[in-house]
Amino acid sequence: MLEATDSKYSLVIYAAKRARQINAYYSQLGEGLLEYVGPLVDTHVHEKPLSIALREINAGLLTSEAIEAPAQ
């Protein structure tokens, strides 16, 4: 999985951000608002968003882009 990012720390941040998106997707699903993309892999009943995010990263379904710091 470390091939997806530069370091293990960026992998943790990457997975956590995607897990928040998945969690928000499930929260908005009942309201009819679909701002975020749902899980890209098949999920199990009691699977946590972080586990889903890590499986998506491991399957190569997500891409990460470095954000450049604004020039001062």
PDB file of N, CA and C in Angstrom:
ATOM      1  N   MET A   1       0.806  -1.200   0.000  1.00  0.00           N
ATOM      2  CA  MET A   1       0.000   0.000   0.000  1.00  0.00           C
ATOM      3  C   MET A   1       0.848   1.262   0.000  1.00  0.00           C
ATOM      4  N   LEU A   2       2.071   1.158   0.422  1.00  0.00           N
ATOM      5  CA  LEU A   2       2.913   2.348   0.481  1.00  0.00           C
ATOM      6  C   LEU A   2       3.279   2.884  -0.900  1.00  0.00           C
ATOM      7  N   GLU A   3       3.001   2.115  -1.949  1.00  0.00           N
ATOM      8  CA  GLU A   3       3.272   2.605  -3.302  1.00  0.00           C
ATOM      9  C   GLU A   3       2.322   3.738  -3.682  1.00  0.00           C
ATOM     10  N   ALA A   4       1.173   3.815  -3.020  1.00  0.00           N
ATOM     11  CA  ALA A   4       0.166   4.826  -3.350  1.00  0.00           C
ATOM     12  C   ALA A   4       0.567   6.218  -2.861  1.00  0.00           C
ATOM     13  N   THR A   5       1.439   6.285  -1.864  1.00  0.00           N
ATOM     14  CA  THR A   5       1.840   7.575  -1.298  1.00  0.00           C
ATOM     15  C   THR A   5       3.346   7.602  -1.064  1.00  0.00           C
ATOM     16  N   ASP A   6       3.822   8.760  -0.612  1.00  0.00           N
ATOM     17  CA  ASP A   6       5.258   8.931  -0.378  1.00  0.00           C
ATOM     18  C   ASP A   6       5.726   8.303   0.930  1.00  0.00           C
ATOM     19  N   SER A   7       4.869   8.319   1.951  1.00  0.00           N
ATOM     20  CA  SER A   7       5.273   7.807   3.256  1.00  0.00           C
ATOM     21  C   SER A   7       4.081   7.182   3.969  1.00  0.00           C
ATOM     22  N   LYS A   8       4.366   6.481   5.045  1.00  0.00           N
ATOM     23  CA  LYS A   8       3.281   5.855   5.800  1.00  0.00           C
ATOM     24  C   LYS A   8       2.401   6.906   6.472  1.00  0.00           C
ATOM     25  N   TYR A   9       2.952   8.062   6.766  1.00  0.00           N
ATOM     26  CA  TYR A   9       2.171   9.124   7.393  1.00  0.00           C
ATOM     27  C   TYR A   9       1.170   9.722   6.407  1.00  0.00           C
ATOM     28  N   SER A  10       1.594   9.905   5.178  1.00  0.00           N
ATOM     29  CA  SER A  10       0.663  10.428   4.178  1.00  0.00           C
ATOM     30  C   SER A  10      -0.395   9.379   3.825  1.00  0.00           C
ATOM     31  N   LEU A  11      -0.049   8.098   3.928  1.00  0.00           N
ATOM     32  CA  LEU A  11      -1.033   7.038   3.711  1.00  0.00           C
ATOM     33  C   LEU A  11      -2.128   7.097   4.774  1.00  0.00           C
ATOM     34  N   VAL A  12      -1.742   7.341   6.013  1.00  0.00           N
ATOM     35  CA  VAL A  12      -2.717   7.447   7.104  1.00  0.00           C
ATOM     36  C   VAL A  12      -3.648   8.632   6.874  1.00  0.00           C
ATOM     37  N   ILE A  13      -3.102   9.768   6.483  1.00  0.00           N
ATOM     38  CA  ILE A  13      -3.920  10.956   6.226  1.00  0.00           C
ATOM     39  C   ILE A  13      -4.836  10.715   5.035  1.00  0.00           C
ATOM     40  N   TYR A  14      -4.306  10.103   4.000  1.00  0.00           N
ATOM     41  CA  TYR A  14      -5.058   9.780   2.785  1.00  0.00           C
ATOM     42  C   TYR A  14      -6.251   8.877   3.116  1.00  0.00           C
ATOM     43  N   ALA A  15      -6.002   7.816   3.880  1.00  0.00           N
ATOM     44  CA  ALA A  15      -7.064   6.880   4.250  1.00  0.00           C
ATOM     45  C   ALA A  15      -8.082   7.539   5.180  1.00  0.00           C
ATOM     46  N   ALA A  16      -7.617   8.376   6.095  1.00  0.00           N
ATOM     47  CA  ALA A  16      -8.534   9.041   7.025  1.00  0.00           C
ATOM     48  C   ALA A  16      -9.461  10.010   6.299  1.00  0.00           C
ATOM     49  N   LYS A  17      -8.932  10.747   5.330  1.00  0.00           N
ATOM     50  CA  LYS A  17      -9.775  11.670   4.561  1.00  0.00           C
ATOM     51  C   LYS A  17     -10.826  10.912   3.766  1.00  0.00           C
ATOM     52  N   ARG A  18     -10.424   9.803   3.150  1.00  0.00           N
ATOM     53  CA  ARG A  18     -11.391   9.003   2.385  1.00  0.00           C
ATOM     54  C   ARG A  18     -12.426   8.377   3.317  1.00  0.00           C
ATOM     55  N   ALA A  19     -12.005   7.944   4.502  1.00  0.00           N
ATOM     56  CA  ALA A  19     -12.945   7.370   5.470  1.00  0.00           C
ATOM     57  C   ALA A  19     -13.972   8.412   5.900  1.00  0.00           C
ATOM     58  N   ARG A  20     -13.547   9.667   6.069  1.00  0.00           N
ATOM     59  CA  ARG A  20     -14.494  10.741   6.405  1.00  0.00           C
ATOM     60  C   ARG A  20     -15.495  10.954   5.279  1.00  0.00           C
ATOM     61  N   GLN A  21     -15.023  10.868   4.030  1.00  0.00           N
ATOM     62  CA  GLN A  21     -15.925  11.009   2.884  1.00  0.00           C
ATOM     63  C   GLN A  21     -16.950   9.876   2.852  1.00  0.00           C
ATOM     64  N   ILE A  22     -16.507   8.660   3.112  1.00  0.00           N
ATOM     65  CA  ILE A  22     -17.419   7.513   3.116  1.00  0.00           C
ATOM     66  C   ILE A  22     -18.431   7.662   4.243  1.00  0.00           C
ATOM     67  N   ASN A  23     -17.984   8.092   5.402  1.00  0.00           N
ATOM     68  CA  ASN A  23     -18.873   8.298   6.540  1.00  0.00           C
ATOM     69  C   ASN A  23     -19.902   9.381   6.229  1.00  0.00           C
ATOM     70  N   ALA A  24     -19.469  10.462   5.608  1.00  0.00           N
ATOM     71  CA  ALA A  24     -20.386  11.538   5.232  1.00  0.00           C
ATOM     72  C   ALA A  24     -21.373  11.056   4.172  1.00  0.00           C
ATOM     73  N   TYR A  25     -20.913  10.209   3.264  1.00  0.00           N
ATOM     74  CA  TYR A  25     -21.799   9.647   2.237  1.00  0.00           C
ATOM     75  C   TYR A  25     -22.935   8.869   2.894  1.00  0.00           C
ATOM     76  N   TYR A  26     -22.610   8.005   3.851  1.00  0.00           N
ATOM     77  CA  TYR A  26     -23.644   7.225   4.530  1.00  0.00           C
ATOM     78  C   TYR A  26     -24.580   8.125   5.331  1.00  0.00           C
ATOM     79  N   SER A  27     -24.061   9.201   5.909  1.00  0.00           N
ATOM     80  CA  SER A  27     -24.902  10.136   6.657  1.00  0.00           C
ATOM     81  C   SER A  27     -25.867  10.869   5.735  1.00  0.00           C
ATOM     82  N   GLN A  28     -25.396  11.251   4.557  1.00  0.00           N
ATOM     83  CA  GLN A  28     -26.218  12.006   3.616  1.00  0.00           C
ATOM     84  C   GLN A  28     -27.148  11.119   2.801  1.00  0.00           C
ATOM     85  N   LEU A  29     -26.911   9.832   2.805  1.00  0.00           N
ATOM     86  CA  LEU A  29     -27.700   8.912   1.992  1.00  0.00           C
ATOM     87  C   LEU A  29     -29.179   8.966   2.364  1.00  0.00           C
ATOM     88  N   GLY A  30     -29.469   9.036   3.654  1.00  0.00           N
ATOM     89  CA  GLY A  30     -30.854   9.096   4.108  1.00  0.00           C
ATOM     90  C   GLY A  30     -31.525  10.419   3.804  1.00  0.00           C
ATOM     91  N   GLU A  31     -30.753  11.479   3.676  1.00  0.00           N
ATOM     92  CA  GLU A  31     -31.299  12.809   3.425  1.00  0.00           C
ATOM     93  C   GLU A  31     -31.488  13.093   1.942  1.00  0.00           C
ATOM     94  N   GLY A  32     -30.947  12.246   1.087  1.00  0.00           N
ATOM     95  CA  GLY A  32     -31.063  12.464  -0.348  1.00  0.00           C
ATOM     96  C   GLY A  32     -30.013  13.404  -0.913  1.00  0.00           C
ATOM     97  N   LEU A  33     -29.057  13.817  -0.102  1.00  0.00           N
ATOM     98  CA  LEU A  33     -27.966  14.682  -0.553  1.00  0.00           C
ATOM     99  C   LEU A  33     -26.756  13.804  -0.832  1.00  0.00           C
ATOM    100  N   LEU A  34     -26.268  13.838  -2.041  1.00  0.00           N
ATOM    101  CA  LEU A  34     -25.122  12.997  -2.383  1.00  0.00           C
ATOM    102  C   LEU A  34     -23.959  13.866  -2.832  1.00  0.00           C
ATOM    103  N   GLU A  35     -23.296  14.461  -1.860  1.00  0.00           N
ATOM    104  CA  GLU A  35     -22.141  15.320  -2.131  1.00  0.00           C
ATOM    105  C   GLU A  35     -20.872  14.495  -2.329  1.00  0.00           C
ATOM    106  N   TYR A  36     -20.793  13.342  -1.667  1.00  0.00           N
ATOM    107  CA  TYR A  36     -19.590  12.512  -1.711  1.00  0.00           C
ATOM    108  C   TYR A  36     -19.861  11.226  -2.479  1.00  0.00           C
ATOM    109  N   VAL A  37     -18.799  10.613  -2.967  1.00  0.00           N
ATOM    110  CA  VAL A  37     -18.890   9.336  -3.678  1.00  0.00           C
ATOM    111  C   VAL A  37     -18.883   8.217  -2.645  1.00  0.00           C
ATOM    112  N   GLY A  38     -19.747   7.247  -2.848  1.00  0.00           N
ATOM    113  CA  GLY A  38     -19.828   6.112  -1.939  1.00  0.00           C
ATOM    114  C   GLY A  38     -18.660   5.162  -2.113  1.00  0.00           C
ATOM    115  N   PRO A  39     -18.666   4.073  -1.384  1.00  0.00           N
ATOM    116  CA  PRO A  39     -17.582   3.096  -1.465  1.00  0.00           C
ATOM    117  C   PRO A  39     -17.416   2.548  -2.878  1.00  0.00           C
ATOM    118  N   LEU A  40     -16.179   2.387  -3.299  1.00  0.00           N
ATOM    119  CA  LEU A  40     -15.862   1.894  -4.636  1.00  0.00           C
ATOM    120  C   LEU A  40     -15.618   0.388  -4.657  1.00  0.00           C
ATOM    121  N   VAL A  41     -15.662  -0.243  -3.500  1.00  0.00           N
ATOM    122  CA  VAL A  41     -15.502  -1.693  -3.387  1.00  0.00           C
ATOM    123  C   VAL A  41     -16.747  -2.255  -2.715  1.00  0.00           C
ATOM    124  N   ASP A  42     -16.963  -3.551  -2.863  1.00  0.00           N
ATOM    125  CA  ASP A  42     -18.085  -4.192  -2.181  1.00  0.00           C
ATOM    126  C   ASP A  42     -17.824  -4.152  -0.683  1.00  0.00           C
ATOM    127  N   THR A  43     -18.849  -3.790   0.069  1.00  0.00           N
ATOM    128  CA  THR A  43     -18.691  -3.665   1.518  1.00  0.00           C
ATOM    129  C   THR A  43     -19.486  -4.743   2.236  1.00  0.00           C
ATOM    130  N   HIS A  44     -19.078  -5.010   3.457  1.00  0.00           N
ATOM    131  CA  HIS A  44     -19.773  -5.953   4.319  1.00  0.00           C
ATOM    132  C   HIS A  44     -20.651  -5.160   5.277  1.00  0.00           C
ATOM    133  N   VAL A  45     -21.524  -5.830   5.979  1.00  0.00           N
ATOM    134  CA  VAL A  45     -22.528  -5.162   6.808  1.00  0.00           C
ATOM    135  C   VAL A  45     -21.900  -4.279   7.886  1.00  0.00           C
ATOM    136  N   HIS A  46     -20.980  -4.790   8.650  1.00  0.00           N
ATOM    137  CA  HIS A  46     -20.423  -4.041   9.780  1.00  0.00           C
ATOM    138  C   HIS A  46     -19.001  -3.556   9.519  1.00  0.00           C
ATOM    139  N   GLU A  47     -18.654  -3.316   8.267  1.00  0.00           N
ATOM    140  CA  GLU A  47     -17.306  -2.861   7.934  1.00  0.00           C
ATOM    141  C   GLU A  47     -17.174  -1.364   8.200  1.00  0.00           C
ATOM    142  N   LYS A  48     -16.094  -0.975   8.810  1.00  0.00           N
ATOM    143  CA  LYS A  48     -15.874   0.429   9.162  1.00  0.00           C
ATOM    144  C   LYS A  48     -15.351   1.214   7.964  1.00  0.00           C
ATOM    145  N   PRO A  49     -15.634   2.530   7.927  1.00  0.00           N
ATOM    146  CA  PRO A  49     -15.192   3.358   6.802  1.00  0.00           C
ATOM    147  C   PRO A  49     -13.684   3.333   6.563  1.00  0.00           C
ATOM    148  N   LEU A  50     -12.890   3.258   7.618  1.00  0.00           N
ATOM    149  CA  LEU A  50     -11.436   3.219   7.439  1.00  0.00           C
ATOM    150  C   LEU A  50     -11.003   1.926   6.747  1.00  0.00           C
ATOM    151  N   SER A  51     -11.622   0.821   7.092  1.00  0.00           N
ATOM    152  CA  SER A  51     -11.310  -0.451   6.427  1.00  0.00           C
ATOM    153  C   SER A  51     -11.679  -0.397   4.956  1.00  0.00           C
ATOM    154  N   ILE A  52     -12.813   0.213   4.652  1.00  0.00           N
ATOM    155  CA  ILE A  52     -13.241   0.364   3.260  1.00  0.00           C
ATOM    156  C   ILE A  52     -12.239   1.228   2.504  1.00  0.00           C
ATOM    157  N   ALA A  53     -11.831   2.342   3.113  1.00  0.00           N
ATOM    158  CA  ALA A  53     -10.878   3.257   2.475  1.00  0.00           C
ATOM    159  C   ALA A  53      -9.546   2.566   2.202  1.00  0.00           C
ATOM    160  N   LEU A  54      -9.056   1.792   3.149  1.00  0.00           N
ATOM    161  CA  LEU A  54      -7.785   1.089   2.953  1.00  0.00           C
ATOM    162  C   LEU A  54      -7.897   0.031   1.855  1.00  0.00           C
ATOM    163  N   ARG A  55      -9.048  -0.632   1.758  1.00  0.00           N
ATOM    164  CA  ARG A  55      -9.230  -1.604   0.672  1.00  0.00           C
ATOM    165  C   ARG A  55      -9.284  -0.906  -0.682  1.00  0.00           C
ATOM    166  N   GLU A  56      -9.893   0.278  -0.744  1.00  0.00           N
ATOM    167  CA  GLU A  56      -9.927   1.047  -1.989  1.00  0.00           C
ATOM    168  C   GLU A  56      -8.522   1.465  -2.415  1.00  0.00           C
ATOM    169  N   ILE A  57      -7.727   1.921  -1.464  1.00  0.00           N
ATOM    170  CA  ILE A  57      -6.349   2.329  -1.760  1.00  0.00           C
ATOM    171  C   ILE A  57      -5.532   1.124  -2.214  1.00  0.00           C
ATOM    172  N   ASN A  58      -5.693   0.000  -1.527  1.00  0.00           N
ATOM    173  CA  ASN A  58      -4.948  -1.210  -1.872  1.00  0.00           C
ATOM    174  C   ASN A  58      -5.321  -1.723  -3.260  1.00  0.00           C
ATOM    175  N   ALA A  59      -6.580  -1.554  -3.654  1.00  0.00           N
ATOM    176  CA  ALA A  59      -7.035  -2.003  -4.976  1.00  0.00           C
ATOM    177  C   ALA A  59      -6.640  -1.033  -6.083  1.00  0.00           C
ATOM    178  N   GLY A  60      -6.115   0.133  -5.714  1.00  0.00           N
ATOM    179  CA  GLY A  60      -5.693   1.114  -6.713  1.00  0.00           C
ATOM    180  C   GLY A  60      -6.847   1.889  -7.321  1.00  0.00           C
ATOM    181  N   LEU A  61      -7.959   1.980  -6.612  1.00  0.00           N
ATOM    182  CA  LEU A  61      -9.138   2.664  -7.127  1.00  0.00           C
ATOM    183  C   LEU A  61      -9.114   4.166  -6.874  1.00  0.00           C
ATOM    184  N   LEU A  62      -8.198   4.626  -6.048  1.00  0.00           N
ATOM    185  CA  LEU A  62      -8.096   6.049  -5.725  1.00  0.00           C
ATOM    186  C   LEU A  62      -6.745   6.585  -6.173  1.00  0.00           C
ATOM    187  N   THR A  63      -6.708   7.855  -6.490  1.00  0.00           N
ATOM    188  CA  THR A  63      -5.443   8.505  -6.821  1.00  0.00           C
ATOM    189  C   THR A  63      -5.235   9.675  -5.871  1.00  0.00           C
ATOM    190  N   SER A  64      -4.007   9.921  -5.523  1.00  0.00           N
ATOM    191  CA  SER A  64      -3.701  11.058  -4.654  1.00  0.00           C
ATOM    192  C   SER A  64      -2.886  12.073  -5.438  1.00  0.00           C
ATOM    193  N   GLU A  65      -3.138  13.324  -5.145  1.00  0.00           N
ATOM    194  CA  GLU A  65      -2.398  14.407  -5.786  1.00  0.00           C
ATOM    195  C   GLU A  65      -1.807  15.293  -4.704  1.00  0.00           C
ATOM    196  N   ALA A  66      -0.555  15.639  -4.879  1.00  0.00           N
ATOM    197  CA  ALA A  66       0.096  16.532  -3.923  1.00  0.00           C
ATOM    198  C   ALA A  66      -0.451  17.944  -4.092  1.00  0.00           C
ATOM    199  N   ILE A  67      -0.697  18.598  -2.984  1.00  0.00           N
ATOM    200  CA  ILE A  67      -1.180  19.977  -3.008  1.00  0.00           C
ATOM    201  C   ILE A  67       0.004  20.883  -2.735  1.00  0.00           C
ATOM    202  N   GLU A  68       0.233  21.807  -3.640  1.00  0.00           N
ATOM    203  CA  GLU A  68       1.358  22.720  -3.477  1.00  0.00           C
ATOM    204  C   GLU A  68       0.980  23.831  -2.507  1.00  0.00           C
ATOM    205  N   ALA A  69       1.940  24.231  -1.712  1.00  0.00           N
ATOM    206  CA  ALA A  69       1.718  25.331  -0.782  1.00  0.00           C
ATOM    207  C   ALA A  69       1.629  26.638  -1.567  1.00  0.00           C
ATOM    208  N   PRO A  70       0.725  27.525  -1.183  1.00  0.00           N
ATOM    209  CA  PRO A  70       0.612  28.795  -1.908  1.00  0.00           C
ATOM    210  C   PRO A  70       1.864  29.648  -1.726  1.00  0.00           C
ATOM    211  N   ALA A  71       2.257  30.334  -2.777  1.00  0.00           N
ATOM    212  CA  ALA A  71       3.433  31.211  -2.725  1.00  0.00           C
ATOM    213  C   ALA A  71       3.116  32.431  -1.878  1.00  0.00           C
ATOM    214  N   GLN A  72       4.077  32.815  -1.075  1.00  0.00           N
ATOM    215  CA  GLN A  72       3.853  33.966  -0.191  1.00  0.00           C
ATOM    216  C   GLN A  72       4.565  35.181  -0.696  1.00  0.00           C
TER     217      GLN A  72
END
